[in-house]
Protein backbone atom coordinates (compact mmCIF):
# COMPACT_ATOMS: atom_id res chain seq x y z
CA MET A 1 -23.80 0.20 5.34
CA LYS A 2 -25.82 -3.00 5.86
CA VAL A 3 -25.88 -3.61 2.11
CA ALA A 4 -22.10 -3.24 1.94
CA ASP A 5 -21.72 -5.69 4.82
CA PHE A 6 -24.09 -8.12 3.11
CA ASN A 7 -22.19 -7.86 -0.17
CA LEU A 8 -19.00 -8.98 1.62
CA GLN A 9 -20.63 -12.06 3.10
CA GLU A 10 -20.58 -14.19 -0.06
CA GLN A 11 -16.80 -14.00 -0.29
CA LEU A 12 -16.48 -14.74 3.43
CA VAL A 13 -18.67 -17.84 3.08
CA ILE A 14 -16.68 -19.06 0.07
CA GLY A 15 -13.39 -18.49 1.92
CA ALA A 16 -14.66 -20.27 5.04
CA LEU A 17 -15.85 -23.24 2.98
CA ARG A 18 -12.52 -23.47 1.21
CA SER A 19 -10.66 -23.33 4.55
CA SER A 20 -12.87 -26.07 5.94
CA GLU A 21 -12.24 -28.28 2.91
CA ILE A 22 -8.48 -27.76 3.19
CA ALA A 23 -8.55 -28.57 6.91
CA ARG A 24 -10.58 -31.73 6.21
CA THR A 25 -8.08 -32.85 3.60
CA SER A 26 -5.23 -32.09 5.98
CA TYR A 27 -6.89 -34.17 8.68
CA GLU A 28 -7.39 -37.09 6.27
CA VAL A 29 -3.71 -36.96 5.31
CA SER A 30 -2.72 -36.74 8.98
CA GLU A 31 -4.94 -39.71 9.80
CA LYS A 32 -3.24 -41.82 7.11
CA ARG A 33 0.18 -40.73 8.36
CA PHE A 34 -0.84 -41.57 11.95
CA LEU A 35 -1.99 -45.04 10.91
CA SER A 36 1.30 -45.61 9.13
CA GLY A 37 3.20 -44.45 12.22
CA THR A 38 4.90 -41.37 10.77
CA ILE A 39 3.18 -38.83 13.07
CA ASP A 40 2.10 -38.91 16.70
CA LEU A 41 -1.33 -38.56 18.29
CA LEU A 42 -0.69 -34.92 19.19
CA ARG A 43 -0.37 -33.91 15.54
CA LEU A 44 -3.43 -35.94 14.58
CA SER A 45 -5.40 -34.27 17.37
CA SER A 46 -4.19 -30.85 16.26
CA ALA A 47 -5.36 -31.51 12.70
CA LYS A 48 -8.76 -32.64 13.99
CA LYS A 49 -9.12 -29.47 16.11
CA ALA A 50 -8.19 -27.29 13.13
CA TRP A 51 -10.83 -29.04 11.01
CA GLN A 52 -13.45 -28.54 13.72
CA ALA A 53 -12.57 -24.86 14.11
CA THR A 54 -12.79 -24.19 10.38
CA SER A 55 -16.10 -26.08 10.15
CA GLU A 56 -17.52 -23.95 12.96
CA ASN A 57 -16.25 -20.82 11.22
CA TYR A 58 -18.02 -21.89 8.01
CA ILE A 59 -21.30 -22.41 9.87
CA ARG A 60 -20.89 -19.04 11.59
CA SER A 61 -20.25 -17.33 8.23
CA LEU A 62 -23.42 -18.90 6.79
CA SER A 63 -25.36 -17.67 9.78
CA ASN A 64 -23.97 -14.16 9.30
CA TYR A 65 -24.83 -14.26 5.60
CA TRP A 66 -28.49 -14.98 6.30
CA ARG A 67 -28.65 -12.57 9.22
CA TYR A 68 -27.41 -9.74 6.96
CA TYR A 69 -29.75 -10.87 4.18
CA TYR A 70 -32.81 -10.60 6.41
CA GLU A 71 -31.63 -7.31 7.92
CA VAL A 72 -31.35 -5.79 4.44
CA GLN A 73 -34.74 -7.25 3.52
CA GLN A 74 -36.26 -5.75 6.66
CA LEU A 75 -34.71 -2.34 6.01
CA THR A 76 -35.71 -2.22 2.35
CA LEU A 77 -39.03 -4.06 2.69
CA TYR A 78 -38.15 -5.98 -0.46
CA ASP A 79 -38.16 -9.76 -0.96
CA PHE A 80 -35.08 -10.37 -3.11
CA ILE A 81 -35.85 -14.06 -3.69
CA ASN A 82 -39.37 -13.50 -5.03
CA LYS A 83 -38.47 -10.05 -6.42
CA LYS A 84 -41.40 -8.19 -4.94
CA PRO A 85 -42.06 -5.73 -2.12
CA VAL A 86 -42.73 -7.13 1.33
CA LYS A 87 -46.17 -6.06 2.41
CA LYS A 88 -48.74 -7.10 4.93
CA ASP A 89 -52.43 -6.58 4.43
CA LEU A 90 -53.56 -4.77 7.59
CA ASP A 91 -57.17 -5.89 7.15
CA ASP A 92 -56.09 -9.54 7.28
CA SER A 93 -54.05 -8.85 10.41
CA ILE A 94 -57.03 -7.32 12.21
CA ASP A 95 -59.33 -10.23 11.29
CA ASN A 96 -56.87 -12.85 12.57
């Protein structure tokens, strides 16, 4: 179940990043329109809040990705980056 959850995380991170980029672009357009006088401060503020919310969601999705990664690593005792089993030499632990 944890592996299935982890496998979904990549798509969630990509979607959150895309949403954040769209919100940033929307804010930039809103800022230009505000400076030209075609929209009011309320709409500019709303665009800024949307950008902040999507940026926070992106950071949260990255955090979830790594949390699931390390949970799967802990459950399987396998280091997927270095492609080797996770092991601890008990004799070294006793000496230290």
